[in-house]
């Protein structure tokens, strides 16, 4: 049975929403009439430890922030980026760092809403393209750090970034803008050279159409070794 959304009540000074242990935070418009129904397309961070969760509105973009309750926080901060051309806060990518490593976690919405194929937001909108490219992340990271320090009353021991594809590019770009943003970055397949990568993606899509099964690994056990090594490395850095 999926978890029910917990009520506010931890009384720990959170100016967002207090989430009880094993609770969730995010949005699923399709099931708002029955919030106990969690569908695969729902954008939830779950299951969470006792947490303070909030959405912070900047000027033309927002970011989501998850902060484990005092006593659970390990002292570290994790930032995740977006993927492809999608917009919106990606709560689904935020829960693991909070649940398994007791990190405070932030994700920006990229300055727009939409799925990974929809690029209409970018047409004749240089502001939105700039937010997606780097501005939303660059503006969100320092504000999220200020909120974290104020909430816990302690400094952040380590700041990390994790992401691949568009998210990886955003992390590398932030490193160029401000090398002091993160102490470490886990970057996979960054989509850096946009001018050449898009034609290449189109070519690969033509070579690997859906009617050619078996060409893309889809068994999670094939990646178990990589996942275990990443977790081991993160644990060594945060303990």
C-alpha atoms as a PDB file:
ATOM      1  CA  UNK A   1       0.000   0.000   0.000  1.00  0.00           C
ATOM      2  CA  UNK A   2       1.494   3.375  -0.925  1.00  0.00           C
ATOM      3  CA  UNK A   3       2.266   5.785   1.923  1.00  0.00           C
ATOM      4  CA  UNK A   4      -0.232   8.424   2.873  1.00  0.00           C
ATOM      5  CA  UNK A   5       0.905  12.027   2.869  1.00  0.00           C
ATOM      6  CA  UNK A   6       1.853  12.918   6.458  1.00  0.00           C
ATOM      7  CA  UNK A   7       0.564  16.002   8.193  1.00  0.00           C
ATOM      8  CA  UNK A   8       2.721  18.919   9.308  1.00  0.00           C
ATOM      9  CA  UNK A   9       3.706  18.595  12.930  1.00  0.00           C
ATOM     10  CA  UNK A  10       7.413  18.027  13.571  1.00  0.00           C
ATOM     11  CA  UNK A  11       7.654  21.604  14.878  1.00  0.00           C
ATOM     12  CA  UNK A  12      11.341  21.912  14.019  1.00  0.00           C
ATOM     13  CA  UNK A  13      11.432  25.426  12.602  1.00  0.00           C
ATOM     14  CA  UNK A  14      10.787  24.388   8.993  1.00  0.00           C
ATOM     15  CA  UNK A  15       9.284  27.160   6.882  1.00  0.00           C
ATOM     16  CA  UNK A  16       8.313  24.659   4.208  1.00  0.00           C
ATOM     17  CA  UNK A  17       6.464  21.411   4.949  1.00  0.00           C
ATOM     18  CA  UNK A  18       7.445  18.912   7.628  1.00  0.00           C
ATOM     19  CA  UNK A  19       7.485  15.351   6.269  1.00  0.00           C
ATOM     20  CA  UNK A  20       7.379  12.400   8.657  1.00  0.00           C
ATOM     21  CA  UNK A  21       9.577   9.315   8.292  1.00  0.00           C
ATOM     22  CA  UNK A  22       8.790   7.301   5.135  1.00  0.00           C
ATOM     23  CA  UNK A  23       6.698  10.194   3.823  1.00  0.00           C
ATOM     24  CA  UNK A  24       6.848  11.796   0.404  1.00  0.00           C
ATOM     25  CA  UNK A  25       6.896  15.226  -1.203  1.00  0.00           C
ATOM     26  CA  UNK A  26       6.211  16.419  -4.714  1.00  0.00           C
ATOM     27  CA  UNK A  27       3.251  16.555  -7.045  1.00  0.00           C
ATOM     28  CA  UNK A  28       1.005  14.282  -9.044  1.00  0.00           C
ATOM     29  CA  UNK A  29      -1.846  16.303 -10.572  1.00  0.00           C
ATOM     30  CA  UNK A  30      -3.479  13.207 -12.021  1.00  0.00           C
ATOM     31  CA  UNK A  31      -4.135  11.813  -8.527  1.00  0.00           C
ATOM     32  CA  UNK A  32      -4.759  14.937  -6.453  1.00  0.00           C
ATOM     33  CA  UNK A  33      -8.312  13.746  -5.843  1.00  0.00           C
ATOM     34  CA  UNK A  34      -6.835  10.674  -4.109  1.00  0.00           C
ATOM     35  CA  UNK A  35      -3.294  11.455  -2.893  1.00  0.00           C
ATOM     36  CA  UNK A  36      -2.802   7.925  -1.571  1.00  0.00           C
ATOM     37  CA  UNK A  37      -2.586   6.597  -5.136  1.00  0.00           C
ATOM     38  CA  UNK A  38       0.985   6.825  -6.450  1.00  0.00           C
ATOM     39  CA  UNK A  39       1.384   6.223 -10.174  1.00  0.00           C
ATOM     40  CA  UNK A  40       4.700   5.680 -12.018  1.00  0.00           C
ATOM     41  CA  UNK A  41       4.394   9.089 -13.656  1.00  0.00           C
ATOM     42  CA  UNK A  42       4.009  10.861 -10.304  1.00  0.00           C
ATOM     43  CA  UNK A  43       6.876  13.193  -9.486  1.00  0.00           C
ATOM     44  CA  UNK A  44       7.478  12.342  -5.833  1.00  0.00           C
ATOM     45  CA  UNK A  45      10.535  12.111  -3.628  1.00  0.00           C
ATOM     46  CA  UNK A  46       9.892   8.978  -1.556  1.00  0.00           C
ATOM     47  CA  UNK A  47      10.453   7.437   0.876  1.00  0.00           C
ATOM     48  CA  UNK A  48      12.018  10.280   2.833  1.00  0.00           C
ATOM     49  CA  UNK A  49      13.489  10.460   6.317  1.00  0.00           C
ATOM     50  CA  UNK A  50      11.947  13.044   8.681  1.00  0.00           C
ATOM     51  CA  UNK A  51      12.399  16.059   6.449  1.00  0.00           C
ATOM     52  CA  UNK A  52      11.791  19.741   5.857  1.00  0.00           C
ATOM     53  CA  UNK A  53      10.815  20.170   2.186  1.00  0.00           C
ATOM     54  CA  UNK A  54      10.125  23.384   0.328  1.00  0.00           C
ATOM     55  CA  UNK A  55       9.897  25.145  -3.015  1.00  0.00           C
ATOM     56  CA  UNK A  56      11.786  28.419  -3.329  1.00  0.00           C
ATOM     57  CA  UNK A  57      10.667  30.975  -5.923  1.00  0.00           C
ATOM     58  CA  UNK A  58      13.424  33.056  -7.458  1.00  0.00           C
ATOM     59  CA  UNK A  59      12.703  35.613 -10.198  1.00  0.00           C
ATOM     60  CA  UNK A  60      12.066  33.492 -13.308  1.00  0.00           C
ATOM     61  CA  UNK A  61      12.707  30.021 -11.891  1.00  0.00           C
ATOM     62  CA  UNK A  62      12.193  27.908  -8.784  1.00  0.00           C
ATOM     63  CA  UNK A  63      14.092  25.191  -6.966  1.00  0.00           C
ATOM     64  CA  UNK A  64      13.087  22.401  -4.609  1.00  0.00           C
ATOM     65  CA  UNK A  65      14.948  21.715  -1.386  1.00  0.00           C
ATOM     66  CA  UNK A  66      14.837  18.667   0.887  1.00  0.00           C
ATOM     67  CA  UNK A  67      16.545  18.930   4.284  1.00  0.00           C
ATOM     68  CA  UNK A  68      16.578  15.940   6.667  1.00  0.00           C
ATOM     69  CA  UNK A  69      15.450  16.875  10.160  1.00  0.00           C
ATOM     70  CA  UNK A  70      18.097  17.983  12.654  1.00  0.00           C
ATOM     71  CA  UNK A  71      19.752  14.890  14.069  1.00  0.00           C
ATOM     72  CA  UNK A  72      19.465  13.061  10.742  1.00  0.00           C
ATOM     73  CA  UNK A  73      21.545  15.436   8.587  1.00  0.00           C
ATOM     74  CA  UNK A  74      25.033  14.156   7.751  1.00  0.00           C
ATOM     75  CA  UNK A  75      26.347  17.674   7.076  1.00  0.00           C
ATOM     76  CA  UNK A  76      26.569  17.398   3.277  1.00  0.00           C
ATOM     77  CA  UNK A  77      24.703  19.017   0.389  1.00  0.00           C
ATOM     78  CA  UNK A  78      23.797  17.400  -2.937  1.00  0.00           C
ATOM     79  CA  UNK A  79      22.625  19.179  -6.089  1.00  0.00           C
ATOM     80  CA  UNK A  80      20.995  17.416  -9.020  1.00  0.00           C
ATOM     81  CA  UNK A  81      20.333  18.912 -12.444  1.00  0.00           C
ATOM     82  CA  UNK A  82      17.691  18.447 -15.120  1.00  0.00           C
ATOM     83  CA  UNK A  83      17.482  16.017 -18.000  1.00  0.00           C
ATOM     84  CA  UNK A  84      17.164  16.539 -21.711  1.00  0.00           C
ATOM     85  CA  UNK A  85      14.949  19.586 -22.404  1.00  0.00           C
ATOM     86  CA  UNK A  86      12.566  18.872 -19.536  1.00  0.00           C
ATOM     87  CA  UNK A  87      11.552  21.478 -16.988  1.00  0.00           C
ATOM     88  CA  UNK A  88      10.088  21.271 -13.506  1.00  0.00           C
ATOM     89  CA  UNK A  89      11.611  20.223 -10.185  1.00  0.00           C
ATOM     90  CA  UNK A  90      12.692  16.599 -10.486  1.00  0.00           C
ATOM     91  CA  UNK A  91      11.714  15.334  -7.040  1.00  0.00           C
ATOM     92  CA  UNK A  92      12.247  11.715  -8.127  1.00  0.00           C
ATOM     93  CA  UNK A  93      15.986  12.318  -8.424  1.00  0.00           C
ATOM     94  CA  UNK A  94      16.280  13.853  -4.949  1.00  0.00           C
ATOM     95  CA  UNK A  95      15.086  11.218  -2.497  1.00  0.00           C
ATOM     96  CA  UNK A  96      18.045   8.799  -2.541  1.00  0.00           C
ATOM     97  CA  UNK A  97      20.646  11.264  -1.250  1.00  0.00           C
ATOM     98  CA  UNK A  98      18.310  12.284   1.565  1.00  0.00           C
ATOM     99  CA  UNK A  99      17.199   8.764   2.449  1.00  0.00           C
ATOM    100  CA  UNK A 100      20.424   6.786   2.139  1.00  0.00           C
ATOM    101  CA  UNK A 101      23.059   9.417   2.886  1.00  0.00           C
ATOM    102  CA  UNK A 102      21.124  11.975   4.972  1.00  0.00           C
ATOM    103  CA  UNK A 103      22.146  14.808   2.687  1.00  0.00           C
ATOM    104  CA  UNK A 104      20.277  18.027   2.068  1.00  0.00           C
ATOM    105  CA  UNK A 105      19.297  17.949  -1.624  1.00  0.00           C
ATOM    106  CA  UNK A 106      18.393  20.644  -4.158  1.00  0.00           C
ATOM    107  CA  UNK A 107      17.030  20.520  -7.707  1.00  0.00           C
ATOM    108  CA  UNK A 108      16.062  23.439  -9.920  1.00  0.00           C
ATOM    109  CA  UNK A 109      13.127  23.445 -12.326  1.00  0.00           C
ATOM    110  CA  UNK A 110      15.302  24.931 -15.132  1.00  0.00           C
ATOM    111  CA  UNK A 111      13.037  27.978 -15.475  1.00  0.00           C
ATOM    112  CA  UNK A 112      10.203  26.204 -17.325  1.00  0.00           C
ATOM    113  CA  UNK A 113       7.839  23.250 -17.222  1.00  0.00           C
ATOM    114  CA  UNK A 114       7.535  20.510 -19.797  1.00  0.00           C
ATOM    115  CA  UNK A 115       8.667  17.022 -20.739  1.00  0.00           C
ATOM    116  CA  UNK A 116      11.970  16.080 -22.310  1.00  0.00           C
ATOM    117  CA  UNK A 117      10.738  16.232 -25.906  1.00  0.00           C
ATOM    118  CA  UNK A 118       8.815  19.505 -25.705  1.00  0.00           C
ATOM    119  CA  UNK A 119      10.997  22.440 -26.761  1.00  0.00           C
ATOM    120  CA  UNK A 120       8.275  25.011 -27.401  1.00  0.00           C
ATOM    121  CA  UNK A 121       9.268  26.889 -24.251  1.00  0.00           C
ATOM    122  CA  UNK A 122      12.573  27.842 -25.888  1.00  0.00           C
ATOM    123  CA  UNK A 123      11.134  29.413 -29.042  1.00  0.00           C
ATOM    124  CA  UNK A 124      11.714  33.178 -29.089  1.00  0.00           C
ATOM    125  CA  UNK A 125      12.485  33.054 -25.372  1.00  0.00           C
ATOM    126  CA  UNK A 126      16.169  33.781 -24.662  1.00  0.00           C
ATOM    127  CA  UNK A 127      15.472  34.183 -20.943  1.00  0.00           C
ATOM    128  CA  UNK A 128      14.113  30.632 -20.708  1.00  0.00           C
ATOM    129  CA  UNK A 129      17.001  29.237 -22.738  1.00  0.00           C
ATOM    130  CA  UNK A 130      19.489  30.958 -20.440  1.00  0.00           C
ATOM    131  CA  UNK A 131      17.732  29.654 -17.317  1.00  0.00           C
ATOM    132  CA  UNK A 132      17.876  26.130 -18.716  1.00  0.00           C
ATOM    133  CA  UNK A 133      21.461  26.525 -19.841  1.00  0.00           C
ATOM    134  CA  UNK A 134      23.035  27.703 -16.599  1.00  0.00           C
ATOM    135  CA  UNK A 135      21.314  30.644 -14.892  1.00  0.00           C
ATOM    136  CA  UNK A 136      18.763  28.700 -12.830  1.00  0.00           C
ATOM    137  CA  UNK A 137      21.414  26.408 -11.382  1.00  0.00           C
ATOM    138  CA  UNK A 138      23.919  29.194 -10.774  1.00  0.00           C
ATOM    139  CA  UNK A 139      21.329  31.258  -8.908  1.00  0.00           C
ATOM    140  CA  UNK A 140      19.854  28.373  -6.923  1.00  0.00           C
ATOM    141  CA  UNK A 141      23.023  26.826  -5.485  1.00  0.00           C
ATOM    142  CA  UNK A 142      24.134  29.741  -3.250  1.00  0.00           C
ATOM    143  CA  UNK A 143      20.588  30.464  -2.045  1.00  0.00           C
ATOM    144  CA  UNK A 144      20.035  26.784  -1.190  1.00  0.00           C
ATOM    145  CA  UNK A 145      23.298  26.774   0.764  1.00  0.00           C
ATOM    146  CA  UNK A 146      22.228  29.866   2.714  1.00  0.00           C
ATOM    147  CA  UNK A 147      18.908  28.233   3.625  1.00  0.00           C
ATOM    148  CA  UNK A 148      20.640  25.013   4.709  1.00  0.00           C
ATOM    149  CA  UNK A 149      23.117  26.849   6.924  1.00  0.00           C
ATOM    150  CA  UNK A 150      20.322  28.919   8.464  1.00  0.00           C
ATOM    151  CA  UNK A 151      18.109  25.883   9.075  1.00  0.00           C
ATOM    152  CA  UNK A 152      20.751  23.744  10.776  1.00  0.00           C
ATOM    153  CA  UNK A 153      22.808  26.532  12.299  1.00  0.00           C
ATOM    154  CA  UNK A 154      25.935  24.715  11.123  1.00  0.00           C
ATOM    155  CA  UNK A 155      28.279  24.961   8.125  1.00  0.00           C
ATOM    156  CA  UNK A 156      28.019  22.559   5.204  1.00  0.00           C
ATOM    157  CA  UNK A 157      30.844  20.016   5.375  1.00  0.00           C
ATOM    158  CA  UNK A 158      30.831  19.009   1.701  1.00  0.00           C
ATOM    159  CA  UNK A 159      28.881  20.075  -1.394  1.00  0.00           C
ATOM    160  CA  UNK A 160      28.369  17.657  -4.272  1.00  0.00           C
ATOM    161  CA  UNK A 161      26.754  17.552  -7.689  1.00  0.00           C
ATOM    162  CA  UNK A 162      25.466  14.459  -9.486  1.00  0.00           C
ATOM    163  CA  UNK A 163      23.966  14.206 -12.940  1.00  0.00           C
ATOM    164  CA  UNK A 164      24.306  12.968 -16.483  1.00  0.00           C
ATOM    165  CA  UNK A 165      23.430  14.214 -19.951  1.00  0.00           C
ATOM    166  CA  UNK A 166      21.881  17.700 -19.599  1.00  0.00           C
ATOM    167  CA  UNK A 167      22.414  17.531 -15.848  1.00  0.00           C
ATOM    168  CA  UNK A 168      26.069  16.652 -16.375  1.00  0.00           C
ATOM    169  CA  UNK A 169      26.496  19.599 -18.706  1.00  0.00           C
ATOM    170  CA  UNK A 170      24.892  21.892 -16.150  1.00  0.00           C
ATOM    171  CA  UNK A 171      27.275  20.668 -13.464  1.00  0.00           C
ATOM    172  CA  UNK A 172      30.343  21.220 -15.621  1.00  0.00           C
ATOM    173  CA  UNK A 173      29.089  24.657 -16.655  1.00  0.00           C
ATOM    174  CA  UNK A 174      28.574  25.605 -13.007  1.00  0.00           C
ATOM    175  CA  UNK A 175      32.122  24.498 -12.305  1.00  0.00           C
ATOM    176  CA  UNK A 176      33.295  26.964 -14.960  1.00  0.00           C
ATOM    177  CA  UNK A 177      31.173  29.769 -13.534  1.00  0.00           C
ATOM    178  CA  UNK A 178      32.146  29.173  -9.902  1.00  0.00           C
ATOM    179  CA  UNK A 179      34.758  26.504  -9.106  1.00  0.00           C
ATOM    180  CA  UNK A 180      33.869  26.793  -5.416  1.00  0.00           C
ATOM    181  CA  UNK A 181      30.284  25.642  -5.915  1.00  0.00           C
ATOM    182  CA  UNK A 182      31.051  21.967  -5.273  1.00  0.00           C
ATOM    183  CA  UNK A 183      33.722  19.861  -3.607  1.00  0.00           C
ATOM    184  CA  UNK A 184      33.038  16.969  -5.957  1.00  0.00           C
ATOM    185  CA  UNK A 185      30.982  16.187  -9.053  1.00  0.00           C
ATOM    186  CA  UNK A 186      29.713  12.857 -10.374  1.00  0.00           C
ATOM    187  CA  UNK A 187      29.230  13.521 -14.104  1.00  0.00           C
ATOM    188  CA  UNK A 188      28.025  11.008 -16.645  1.00  0.00           C
ATOM    189  CA  UNK A 189      27.821  11.546 -20.411  1.00  0.00           C
ATOM    190  CA  UNK A 190      27.500  15.357 -20.300  1.00  0.00           C
ATOM    191  CA  UNK A 191      25.709  16.757 -23.357  1.00  0.00           C
ATOM    192  CA  UNK A 192      28.321  19.461 -23.789  1.00  0.00           C
ATOM    193  CA  UNK A 193      28.631  20.039 -27.542  1.00  0.00           C
ATOM    194  CA  UNK A 194      24.990  20.777 -28.382  1.00  0.00           C
ATOM    195  CA  UNK A 195      25.770  21.808 -31.959  1.00  0.00           C
ATOM    196  CA  UNK A 196      27.012  18.334 -32.834  1.00  0.00           C
ATOM    197  CA  UNK A 197      25.314  16.103 -30.295  1.00  0.00           C
ATOM    198  CA  UNK A 198      21.763  16.672 -31.541  1.00  0.00           C
ATOM    199  CA  UNK A 199      22.468  15.421 -35.111  1.00  0.00           C
ATOM    200  CA  UNK A 200      24.321  12.454 -33.614  1.00  0.00           C
ATOM    201  CA  UNK A 201      21.384  11.599 -31.329  1.00  0.00           C
ATOM    202  CA  UNK A 202      19.062  11.719 -34.336  1.00  0.00           C
ATOM    203  CA  UNK A 203      21.348   9.340 -36.227  1.00  0.00           C
ATOM    204  CA  UNK A 204      21.515   6.884 -33.319  1.00  0.00           C
ATOM    205  CA  UNK A 205      17.741   6.955 -32.981  1.00  0.00           C
ATOM    206  CA  UNK A 206      17.445   5.899 -36.609  1.00  0.00           C
ATOM    207  CA  UNK A 207      19.853   2.999 -36.036  1.00  0.00           C
ATOM    208  CA  UNK A 208      18.089   1.791 -32.901  1.00  0.00           C
ATOM    209  CA  UNK A 209      14.385   1.969 -33.621  1.00  0.00           C
ATOM    210  CA  UNK A 210      11.890   0.388 -31.184  1.00  0.00           C
ATOM    211  CA  UNK A 211      11.397  -2.588 -33.509  1.00  0.00           C
ATOM    212  CA  UNK A 212      14.952  -3.822 -32.813  1.00  0.00           C
ATOM    213  CA  UNK A 213      14.615  -5.367 -29.312  1.00  0.00           C
ATOM    214  CA  UNK A 214      17.622  -6.305 -27.266  1.00  0.00           C
ATOM    215  CA  UNK A 215      19.909  -3.541 -28.465  1.00  0.00           C
ATOM    216  CA  UNK A 216      19.565  -1.467 -25.283  1.00  0.00           C
ATOM    217  CA  UNK A 217      20.315  -3.061 -21.862  1.00  0.00           C
ATOM    218  CA  UNK A 218      17.163  -2.976 -19.752  1.00  0.00           C
ATOM    219  CA  UNK A 219      18.052  -5.333 -16.903  1.00  0.00           C
ATOM    220  CA  UNK A 220      18.942  -3.417 -13.708  1.00  0.00           C
ATOM    221  CA  UNK A 221      21.205  -6.262 -12.582  1.00  0.00           C
ATOM    222  CA  UNK A 222      23.575  -5.400 -15.450  1.00  0.00           C
ATOM    223  CA  UNK A 223      24.410  -2.153 -13.665  1.00  0.00           C
ATOM    224  CA  UNK A 224      24.575  -3.504 -10.093  1.00  0.00           C
ATOM    225  CA  UNK A 225      28.380  -3.384  -9.928  1.00  0.00           C
ATOM    226  CA  UNK A 226      28.529   0.258 -11.050  1.00  0.00           C
ATOM    227  CA  UNK A 227      25.815   1.288  -8.586  1.00  0.00           C
ATOM    228  CA  UNK A 228      27.561  -0.497  -5.699  1.00  0.00           C
ATOM    229  CA  UNK A 229      30.883   1.181  -6.482  1.00  0.00           C
ATOM    230  CA  UNK A 230      29.300   4.638  -6.664  1.00  0.00           C
ATOM    231  CA  UNK A 231      27.551   4.122  -3.324  1.00  0.00           C
ATOM    232  CA  UNK A 232      30.752   2.856  -1.719  1.00  0.00           C
ATOM    233  CA  UNK A 233      32.649   5.923  -2.905  1.00  0.00           C
ATOM    234  CA  UNK A 234      29.997   8.327  -1.669  1.00  0.00           C
ATOM    235  CA  UNK A 235      29.848   6.648   1.732  1.00  0.00           C
ATOM    236  CA  UNK A 236      33.629   6.943   2.111  1.00  0.00           C
ATOM    237  CA  UNK A 237      33.406  10.688   1.447  1.00  0.00           C
ATOM    238  CA  UNK A 238      30.459  11.384   3.752  1.00  0.00           C
ATOM    239  CA  UNK A 239      31.456   9.355   6.798  1.00  0.00           C
END
